[in-house]
């Protein structure tokens, strides 16, 4: 990967390669998940989360068989052991479950696939007469005839726990690489008369590994294309499925339209008829029916989330931070930032404004260049603005304060005290016209 970061911590669709695998097998309700670490073990073990998770270390790294040997003390004596690769992130839970079921604690089950270019993969060797699997040969150890075989072993298998322990104890490193190969257990199973079956993935992307930035980028696009096709199959209109990224969970109602270069992170829900403009980044947000999010809008919901009401209009170039909650038909325009604030039905802040830690009533108009000054240098304070308030341009509302229903704030005012309902508040220096004043001129005398 040409990186200081361990390979399995590189991210695909917003999540590390290894976390993809752990999350997939977590869905199988296994009794234990064992992660074998080596290079960058401390970083890997700190980054990966999951229930029933245990770590063992492989030092030094002497092959795949040697890796699984490190897990022996944690393996049960019966049941099924499912072995996957931390750099093969897109295996599906249904495939992993089918493999475990094919094993059933009694047989050896391999995940295999036929590839147009099998270079680098171990080849599946079968008996000519019966077609039964008899062995796996690694690419570097294969003869020319064996390299012509296109069915390959993906590195994923399910084995009876008790038999696997015995096979691992018999592994040798008598090969070109001088390593202990896990696939050698296949010949041992065959020699014992044990059935060896093959299970196939739904698609090639499930078994593709990552060994370079180019392969990571290729897998990212395959993943995103699959997500795009699933959404389009459900009725979502994507302007260009090749320019679309989901890095979490995206739920869409009917008649949703998404323009190019949009990124969805965390959990995002789009209601019926929602339109998303180009180049938006939306993280942890719920957007109700009929809302329109215009180009270059950023939403950063985090734990508090962002909520956009029905029929609201946001953007272009707007920023909504955690706790922003916009009611129905609210308008948030260009270069407006909203943080930890609620805006009731029909409120508007159309340009160049900041609303932080605020409660804004219905039909409020918040002028250009106006802000709620919510931070005194030590603590945050809240501003409450009633219904039908008009805030002029270039105003500073210094929290904590309350603006009553129907009040008006004159443009250019700095308001430091609450304003009663229906009143006009103006807090600015009186305008003065000074006669006899001359604008300074540039000194043209040579230095």
Foldseek 3Di string as FASTA:
>chain_A
DPDLDPQQQDDFLQGGLQQLVQVQVVVVVDQADEAEAEVPVVVVVVPHDDPRYYYFYQPPDFEDLSSVLRCLVVFDQFAKDKDDDSQLRQAHSVQSVVQSVVAGLAAKEFEKDFDPQCPQFWAFDADPPPRFTQFTHGNVQDDPVRNVHRIGTLRIIMHTRNLSNVLSVPFFQPGPSSGGYPRRVSNVCVVVVGGYYYGYGPDPSNRDGDDDPVSSVVSSQVVQLVVLVVVVVVAEAEQDSSFEGESAAEAEEHCEYEYGNEYEHHYEYYEANEYEEYNEYAYQEYEYAQEYEYDCEYEAAPPQYEYHEHNDYAEDCEYEYHLHYEYHHEYHYHCEYEYNEYAYAQEYEHEQEYEYQEYHEHNEYAEHQEYEQQDPPPDGAYEYEYACEYEYHNEYEYDDEYEEACEYEDHNAYHDYYHYHNYYDYHDDDDDDDPPDDDDDDDPDDD
